[in-house]
């Protein structure tokens, strides 16, 4: 009976200790997110005032370690990643691993969250790209010989007629702008090089067109909310 009680006592102690450890981990994560929210609020206030997120946390009064880029805040180590003018990620490490916040989803992810973040970004950018292609007014601007030669050389194109194109939404805002190769016979233009694609509310992405590809584009990043 004594052995049985001792065994039960040991098992009970293990369960209690495990519960305490697990609870401690959850509480640490809770606090990490709670203090992280304070940093996020400062970042949102900065964007509201300046139209974009800061490149470093120094701009909101938090000193970064010059070697590791870490910021100590309420005993937690945070790393801020400026992804573009209108998106960022914020992460902290604790015993159970890393937790990462992404601004455009307003969510925390276990680990670096890179797969979920990239999936969301791809869908978002594709939406922006399609939006800019919907109806609109297209204006072709002639370019001088020097500018044309420079554009063709930069894009590894031997010859052709380069024009600068600005596409506008019906409300007059720019939908897209960049260079194209124009075919006088077919009256068609093929985008080349880097274009800036705007959403109707002013967000923009940088898009790269490969002259050897008929459809594939590489979407780089979001830029600040400016529409000329």
C-alpha atoms as a PDB file:
ATOM      1  CA  UNK A   1       0.000   0.000   0.000  1.00  0.00           C
ATOM      2  CA  UNK A   2       2.852   2.332   0.893  1.00  0.00           C
ATOM      3  CA  UNK A   3       4.518   1.654  -2.472  1.00  0.00           C
ATOM      4  CA  UNK A   4       1.194   2.234  -4.227  1.00  0.00           C
ATOM      5  CA  UNK A   5       0.661   5.559  -2.486  1.00  0.00           C
ATOM      6  CA  UNK A   6       4.223   6.597  -3.250  1.00  0.00           C
ATOM      7  CA  UNK A   7       3.767   5.781  -6.940  1.00  0.00           C
ATOM      8  CA  UNK A   8       0.517   7.740  -7.058  1.00  0.00           C
ATOM      9  CA  UNK A   9       2.215  10.644  -5.311  1.00  0.00           C
ATOM     10  CA  UNK A  10       5.077  10.635  -7.819  1.00  0.00           C
ATOM     11  CA  UNK A  11       2.700  10.514 -10.789  1.00  0.00           C
ATOM     12  CA  UNK A  12       0.623  13.309  -9.301  1.00  0.00           C
ATOM     13  CA  UNK A  13       3.753  15.412  -8.730  1.00  0.00           C
ATOM     14  CA  UNK A  14       4.864  14.858 -12.334  1.00  0.00           C
ATOM     15  CA  UNK A  15       1.429  15.895 -13.615  1.00  0.00           C
ATOM     16  CA  UNK A  16       1.431  19.027 -11.443  1.00  0.00           C
ATOM     17  CA  UNK A  17       4.968  19.981 -12.504  1.00  0.00           C
ATOM     18  CA  UNK A  18       4.134  19.386 -16.171  1.00  0.00           C
ATOM     19  CA  UNK A  19       1.021  21.520 -15.815  1.00  0.00           C
ATOM     20  CA  UNK A  20       3.040  24.320 -14.231  1.00  0.00           C
ATOM     21  CA  UNK A  21       5.653  24.183 -17.011  1.00  0.00           C
ATOM     22  CA  UNK A  22       3.029  24.152 -19.768  1.00  0.00           C
ATOM     23  CA  UNK A  23       1.079  26.958 -18.089  1.00  0.00           C
ATOM     24  CA  UNK A  24       4.304  28.914 -17.758  1.00  0.00           C
ATOM     25  CA  UNK A  25       5.039  28.526 -21.456  1.00  0.00           C
ATOM     26  CA  UNK A  26       1.543  29.672 -22.423  1.00  0.00           C
ATOM     27  CA  UNK A  27       1.808  32.630 -20.079  1.00  0.00           C
ATOM     28  CA  UNK A  28       5.167  33.623 -21.548  1.00  0.00           C
ATOM     29  CA  UNK A  29       3.653  33.479 -25.036  1.00  0.00           C
ATOM     30  CA  UNK A  30       0.669  35.508 -23.830  1.00  0.00           C
ATOM     31  CA  UNK A  31       2.958  38.197 -22.410  1.00  0.00           C
ATOM     32  CA  UNK A  32       5.139  38.161 -25.537  1.00  0.00           C
ATOM     33  CA  UNK A  33       2.091  38.881 -27.681  1.00  0.00           C
ATOM     34  CA  UNK A  34       0.747  41.420 -25.169  1.00  0.00           C
ATOM     35  CA  UNK A  35       3.945  43.474 -25.109  1.00  0.00           C
ATOM     36  CA  UNK A  36       4.295  42.937 -28.851  1.00  0.00           C
ATOM     37  CA  UNK A  37       0.886  44.562 -29.268  1.00  0.00           C
ATOM     38  CA  UNK A  38       2.273  47.690 -27.607  1.00  0.00           C
ATOM     39  CA  UNK A  39       5.040  47.835 -30.227  1.00  0.00           C
ATOM     40  CA  UNK A  40       2.527  47.182 -33.006  1.00  0.00           C
ATOM     41  CA  UNK A  41       0.348  50.066 -31.759  1.00  0.00           C
ATOM     42  CA  UNK A  42       3.348  52.397 -31.919  1.00  0.00           C
ATOM     43  CA  UNK A  43       4.091  51.231 -35.467  1.00  0.00           C
ATOM     44  CA  UNK A  44       0.493  51.860 -36.538  1.00  0.00           C
ATOM     45  CA  UNK A  45       0.580  55.339 -35.000  1.00  0.00           C
ATOM     46  CA  UNK A  46       3.802  56.048 -36.889  1.00  0.00           C
ATOM     47  CA  UNK A  47       2.249  54.911 -40.170  1.00  0.00           C
ATOM     48  CA  UNK A  48      -0.824  57.042 -39.509  1.00  0.00           C
ATOM     49  CA  UNK A  49       1.418  60.092 -39.068  1.00  0.00           C
ATOM     50  CA  UNK A  50       3.996  59.422 -41.795  1.00  0.00           C
ATOM     51  CA  UNK A  51       2.071  57.359 -44.366  1.00  0.00           C
ATOM     52  CA  UNK A  52       4.437  54.387 -44.029  1.00  0.00           C
ATOM     53  CA  UNK A  53       6.008  52.109 -41.423  1.00  0.00           C
ATOM     54  CA  UNK A  54       9.470  52.989 -40.070  1.00  0.00           C
ATOM     55  CA  UNK A  55      12.488  51.121 -41.389  1.00  0.00           C
ATOM     56  CA  UNK A  56      13.732  50.619 -37.811  1.00  0.00           C
ATOM     57  CA  UNK A  57      12.208  50.589 -34.332  1.00  0.00           C
ATOM     58  CA  UNK A  58      14.530  53.440 -33.365  1.00  0.00           C
ATOM     59  CA  UNK A  59      11.987  55.717 -35.044  1.00  0.00           C
ATOM     60  CA  UNK A  60       9.354  54.844 -32.413  1.00  0.00           C
ATOM     61  CA  UNK A  61      11.685  55.214 -29.448  1.00  0.00           C
ATOM     62  CA  UNK A  62      12.958  51.638 -29.145  1.00  0.00           C
ATOM     63  CA  UNK A  63      16.708  51.155 -29.437  1.00  0.00           C
ATOM     64  CA  UNK A  64      17.876  48.264 -31.589  1.00  0.00           C
ATOM     65  CA  UNK A  65      21.000  46.232 -30.932  1.00  0.00           C
ATOM     66  CA  UNK A  66      23.357  47.263 -33.743  1.00  0.00           C
ATOM     67  CA  UNK A  67      24.698  43.718 -34.196  1.00  0.00           C
ATOM     68  CA  UNK A  68      21.544  41.595 -33.828  1.00  0.00           C
ATOM     69  CA  UNK A  69      18.790  44.168 -34.586  1.00  0.00           C
ATOM     70  CA  UNK A  70      17.014  42.949 -31.424  1.00  0.00           C
ATOM     71  CA  UNK A  71      14.993  45.222 -29.182  1.00  0.00           C
ATOM     72  CA  UNK A  72      14.553  44.395 -25.487  1.00  0.00           C
ATOM     73  CA  UNK A  73      11.047  45.319 -24.361  1.00  0.00           C
ATOM     74  CA  UNK A  74       9.622  44.274 -20.953  1.00  0.00           C
ATOM     75  CA  UNK A  75      12.213  41.502 -20.762  1.00  0.00           C
ATOM     76  CA  UNK A  76      11.378  40.102 -24.202  1.00  0.00           C
ATOM     77  CA  UNK A  77      13.644  40.197 -27.244  1.00  0.00           C
ATOM     78  CA  UNK A  78      11.832  41.365 -30.395  1.00  0.00           C
ATOM     79  CA  UNK A  79      13.060  41.532 -33.979  1.00  0.00           C
ATOM     80  CA  UNK A  80      11.336  43.902 -36.396  1.00  0.00           C
ATOM     81  CA  UNK A  81      11.462  43.237 -40.132  1.00  0.00           C
ATOM     82  CA  UNK A  82      10.530  46.130 -42.415  1.00  0.00           C
ATOM     83  CA  UNK A  83       9.058  44.305 -45.418  1.00  0.00           C
ATOM     84  CA  UNK A  84       7.864  47.391 -47.291  1.00  0.00           C
ATOM     85  CA  UNK A  85       6.343  50.802 -46.674  1.00  0.00           C
ATOM     86  CA  UNK A  86       3.021  49.233 -45.749  1.00  0.00           C
ATOM     87  CA  UNK A  87       3.831  45.846 -44.231  1.00  0.00           C
ATOM     88  CA  UNK A  88       6.095  44.414 -41.553  1.00  0.00           C
ATOM     89  CA  UNK A  89       6.669  41.406 -39.321  1.00  0.00           C
ATOM     90  CA  UNK A  90       7.577  41.319 -35.620  1.00  0.00           C
ATOM     91  CA  UNK A  91       8.901  38.226 -33.855  1.00  0.00           C
ATOM     92  CA  UNK A  92      10.007  37.113 -30.395  1.00  0.00           C
ATOM     93  CA  UNK A  93      11.646  33.936 -29.080  1.00  0.00           C
ATOM     94  CA  UNK A  94      10.696  31.942 -25.992  1.00  0.00           C
ATOM     95  CA  UNK A  95      11.309  28.425 -24.692  1.00  0.00           C
ATOM     96  CA  UNK A  96       8.840  26.792 -27.066  1.00  0.00           C
ATOM     97  CA  UNK A  97      10.245  28.600 -30.108  1.00  0.00           C
ATOM     98  CA  UNK A  98       9.562  31.683 -32.207  1.00  0.00           C
ATOM     99  CA  UNK A  99       6.298  33.578 -32.681  1.00  0.00           C
ATOM    100  CA  UNK A 100       5.855  35.988 -35.606  1.00  0.00           C
ATOM    101  CA  UNK A 101       3.277  38.713 -36.247  1.00  0.00           C
ATOM    102  CA  UNK A 102       2.460  39.844 -39.803  1.00  0.00           C
ATOM    103  CA  UNK A 103       0.789  43.231 -40.229  1.00  0.00           C
ATOM    104  CA  UNK A 104      -1.389  42.543 -43.291  1.00  0.00           C
ATOM    105  CA  UNK A 105      -3.138  39.578 -41.676  1.00  0.00           C
ATOM    106  CA  UNK A 106      -3.021  40.980 -38.132  1.00  0.00           C
ATOM    107  CA  UNK A 107      -2.127  37.486 -36.876  1.00  0.00           C
ATOM    108  CA  UNK A 108       0.582  35.741 -34.864  1.00  0.00           C
ATOM    109  CA  UNK A 109       2.148  32.585 -36.314  1.00  0.00           C
ATOM    110  CA  UNK A 110       4.105  29.831 -34.590  1.00  0.00           C
ATOM    111  CA  UNK A 111       7.636  29.859 -36.013  1.00  0.00           C
ATOM    112  CA  UNK A 112       8.598  32.364 -38.701  1.00  0.00           C
ATOM    113  CA  UNK A 113       5.201  31.961 -40.408  1.00  0.00           C
ATOM    114  CA  UNK A 114       6.946  32.373 -43.744  1.00  0.00           C
ATOM    115  CA  UNK A 115       4.769  29.888 -45.668  1.00  0.00           C
ATOM    116  CA  UNK A 116       1.488  31.430 -44.476  1.00  0.00           C
ATOM    117  CA  UNK A 117       2.764  34.957 -45.008  1.00  0.00           C
ATOM    118  CA  UNK A 118       4.036  34.251 -48.534  1.00  0.00           C
ATOM    119  CA  UNK A 119       0.789  32.524 -49.465  1.00  0.00           C
ATOM    120  CA  UNK A 120      -1.189  35.541 -48.297  1.00  0.00           C
ATOM    121  CA  UNK A 121       1.149  37.987 -50.047  1.00  0.00           C
ATOM    122  CA  UNK A 122       0.908  36.058 -53.325  1.00  0.00           C
ATOM    123  CA  UNK A 123      -2.900  36.162 -53.256  1.00  0.00           C
ATOM    124  CA  UNK A 124      -2.931  39.830 -52.300  1.00  0.00           C
ATOM    125  CA  UNK A 125      -0.465  40.900 -54.989  1.00  0.00           C
ATOM    126  CA  UNK A 126      -2.234  38.814 -57.632  1.00  0.00           C
ATOM    127  CA  UNK A 127      -5.458  40.582 -56.688  1.00  0.00           C
ATOM    128  CA  UNK A 128      -3.756  43.962 -57.092  1.00  0.00           C
ATOM    129  CA  UNK A 129      -2.325  42.951 -60.456  1.00  0.00           C
ATOM    130  CA  UNK A 130      -5.713  41.835 -61.778  1.00  0.00           C
ATOM    131  CA  UNK A 131      -7.352  44.974 -60.426  1.00  0.00           C
ATOM    132  CA  UNK A 132      -4.945  47.181 -62.357  1.00  0.00           C
ATOM    133  CA  UNK A 133      -5.655  45.254 -65.594  1.00  0.00           C
ATOM    134  CA  UNK A 134      -9.420  45.818 -65.437  1.00  0.00           C
ATOM    135  CA  UNK A 135     -10.763  48.462 -67.844  1.00  0.00           C
ATOM    136  CA  UNK A 136      -9.157  51.847 -67.917  1.00  0.00           C
ATOM    137  CA  UNK A 137      -7.577  54.466 -70.136  1.00  0.00           C
ATOM    138  CA  UNK A 138      -4.202  53.637 -71.698  1.00  0.00           C
ATOM    139  CA  UNK A 139      -1.875  56.423 -72.791  1.00  0.00           C
ATOM    140  CA  UNK A 140       1.255  55.773 -74.891  1.00  0.00           C
ATOM    141  CA  UNK A 141       4.116  58.245 -74.653  1.00  0.00           C
ATOM    142  CA  UNK A 142       6.904  58.383 -77.229  1.00  0.00           C
ATOM    143  CA  UNK A 143      10.454  58.225 -75.909  1.00  0.00           C
ATOM    144  CA  UNK A 144      13.576  59.733 -77.405  1.00  0.00           C
ATOM    145  CA  UNK A 145      16.248  57.641 -79.119  1.00  0.00           C
ATOM    146  CA  UNK A 146      18.620  57.843 -76.154  1.00  0.00           C
ATOM    147  CA  UNK A 147      15.940  56.751 -73.695  1.00  0.00           C
ATOM    148  CA  UNK A 148      14.745  54.017 -76.075  1.00  0.00           C
ATOM    149  CA  UNK A 149      18.261  52.614 -76.483  1.00  0.00           C
ATOM    150  CA  UNK A 150      18.757  52.669 -72.731  1.00  0.00           C
ATOM    151  CA  UNK A 151      15.489  50.772 -72.108  1.00  0.00           C
ATOM    152  CA  UNK A 152      16.211  48.149 -74.765  1.00  0.00           C
ATOM    153  CA  UNK A 153      19.786  47.607 -73.553  1.00  0.00           C
ATOM    154  CA  UNK A 154      18.722  47.320 -69.919  1.00  0.00           C
ATOM    155  CA  UNK A 155      16.164  44.651 -70.848  1.00  0.00           C
ATOM    156  CA  UNK A 156      18.543  42.779 -73.169  1.00  0.00           C
ATOM    157  CA  UNK A 157      16.439  43.559 -76.263  1.00  0.00           C
ATOM    158  CA  UNK A 158      18.291  44.030 -79.569  1.00  0.00           C
ATOM    159  CA  UNK A 159      15.700  46.141 -81.372  1.00  0.00           C
ATOM    160  CA  UNK A 160      12.135  47.367 -81.201  1.00  0.00           C
ATOM    161  CA  UNK A 161       9.967  50.399 -80.536  1.00  0.00           C
ATOM    162  CA  UNK A 162       9.890  51.280 -76.847  1.00  0.00           C
ATOM    163  CA  UNK A 163       7.086  53.445 -75.467  1.00  0.00           C
ATOM    164  CA  UNK A 164       6.264  54.614 -71.964  1.00  0.00           C
ATOM    165  CA  UNK A 165       2.769  53.578 -70.944  1.00  0.00           C
ATOM    166  CA  UNK A 166       0.487  54.999 -68.269  1.00  0.00           C
ATOM    167  CA  UNK A 167      -2.793  53.263 -67.592  1.00  0.00           C
ATOM    168  CA  UNK A 168      -5.423  55.073 -65.539  1.00  0.00           C
ATOM    169  CA  UNK A 169      -8.571  53.982 -63.742  1.00  0.00           C
ATOM    170  CA  UNK A 170     -11.827  55.676 -64.702  1.00  0.00           C
ATOM    171  CA  UNK A 171     -11.439  58.009 -61.714  1.00  0.00           C
ATOM    172  CA  UNK A 172      -8.174  59.275 -63.199  1.00  0.00           C
ATOM    173  CA  UNK A 173      -5.825  57.560 -60.746  1.00  0.00           C
ATOM    174  CA  UNK A 174      -2.878  55.664 -62.149  1.00  0.00           C
ATOM    175  CA  UNK A 175      -3.433  51.900 -62.466  1.00  0.00           C
ATOM    176  CA  UNK A 176      -0.031  50.986 -63.914  1.00  0.00           C
ATOM    177  CA  UNK A 177       3.009  52.578 -65.500  1.00  0.00           C
ATOM    178  CA  UNK A 178       6.150  51.320 -67.212  1.00  0.00           C
ATOM    179  CA  UNK A 179       7.774  50.610 -70.566  1.00  0.00           C
ATOM    180  CA  UNK A 180       6.407  48.430 -73.348  1.00  0.00           C
ATOM    181  CA  UNK A 181       7.478  47.182 -76.767  1.00  0.00           C
ATOM    182  CA  UNK A 182       5.000  48.504 -79.325  1.00  0.00           C
ATOM    183  CA  UNK A 183       4.234  46.720 -82.590  1.00  0.00           C
ATOM    184  CA  UNK A 184       3.047  49.180 -85.244  1.00  0.00           C
ATOM    185  CA  UNK A 185       1.488  46.426 -87.363  1.00  0.00           C
ATOM    186  CA  UNK A 186      -0.591  44.721 -84.681  1.00  0.00           C
ATOM    187  CA  UNK A 187      -1.074  47.879 -82.599  1.00  0.00           C
ATOM    188  CA  UNK A 188      -0.263  45.807 -79.526  1.00  0.00           C
ATOM    189  CA  UNK A 189       2.086  46.602 -76.653  1.00  0.00           C
ATOM    190  CA  UNK A 190       4.031  44.086 -74.580  1.00  0.00           C
ATOM    191  CA  UNK A 191       5.172  45.111 -71.109  1.00  0.00           C
ATOM    192  CA  UNK A 192       8.888  44.904 -70.384  1.00  0.00           C
ATOM    193  CA  UNK A 193      11.100  45.557 -67.388  1.00  0.00           C
ATOM    194  CA  UNK A 194       9.823  46.835 -64.056  1.00  0.00           C
ATOM    195  CA  UNK A 195       6.343  48.286 -63.783  1.00  0.00           C
ATOM    196  CA  UNK A 196       4.577  49.965 -60.887  1.00  0.00           C
ATOM    197  CA  UNK A 197       1.078  48.592 -60.382  1.00  0.00           C
ATOM    198  CA  UNK A 198      -1.391  50.607 -58.307  1.00  0.00           C
ATOM    199  CA  UNK A 199      -4.583  49.534 -56.559  1.00  0.00           C
ATOM    200  CA  UNK A 200      -7.557  51.866 -56.657  1.00  0.00           C
ATOM    201  CA  UNK A 201      -6.882  52.968 -53.077  1.00  0.00           C
ATOM    202  CA  UNK A 202      -3.260  53.836 -53.826  1.00  0.00           C
ATOM    203  CA  UNK A 203      -1.225  50.835 -52.692  1.00  0.00           C
ATOM    204  CA  UNK A 204       1.369  49.798 -55.216  1.00  0.00           C
ATOM    205  CA  UNK A 205       3.586  46.847 -56.068  1.00  0.00           C
ATOM    206  CA  UNK A 206       6.725  46.548 -58.136  1.00  0.00           C
ATOM    207  CA  UNK A 207       6.314  44.016 -60.947  1.00  0.00           C
ATOM    208  CA  UNK A 208       9.008  42.648 -63.252  1.00  0.00           C
ATOM    209  CA  UNK A 209       8.172  41.443 -66.776  1.00  0.00           C
ATOM    210  CA  UNK A 210      10.524  39.056 -68.569  1.00  0.00           C
ATOM    211  CA  UNK A 211      10.678  39.802 -72.281  1.00  0.00           C
ATOM    212  CA  UNK A 212      10.978  36.071 -73.064  1.00  0.00           C
ATOM    213  CA  UNK A 213       7.826  35.219 -71.124  1.00  0.00           C
ATOM    214  CA  UNK A 214       4.297  35.849 -72.344  1.00  0.00           C
ATOM    215  CA  UNK A 215       2.539  35.761 -68.995  1.00  0.00           C
ATOM    216  CA  UNK A 216       4.775  35.268 -65.961  1.00  0.00           C
ATOM    217  CA  UNK A 217       5.545  38.222 -63.726  1.00  0.00           C
ATOM    218  CA  UNK A 218       7.551  38.465 -60.545  1.00  0.00           C
ATOM    219  CA  UNK A 219       5.925  40.561 -57.835  1.00  0.00           C
ATOM    220  CA  UNK A 220       8.486  42.176 -55.574  1.00  0.00           C
ATOM    221  CA  UNK A 221       6.955  44.158 -52.726  1.00  0.00           C
ATOM    222  CA  UNK A 222       4.321  46.621 -51.574  1.00  0.00           C
ATOM    223  CA  UNK A 223       5.136  50.312 -51.633  1.00  0.00           C
ATOM    224  CA  UNK A 224       3.647  53.251 -49.802  1.00  0.00           C
ATOM    225  CA  UNK A 225       0.145  54.550 -50.284  1.00  0.00           C
ATOM    226  CA  UNK A 226       0.765  57.174 -52.932  1.00  0.00           C
ATOM    227  CA  UNK A 227      -1.171  57.648 -56.148  1.00  0.00           C
ATOM    228  CA  UNK A 228      -0.018  60.346 -58.554  1.00  0.00           C
END
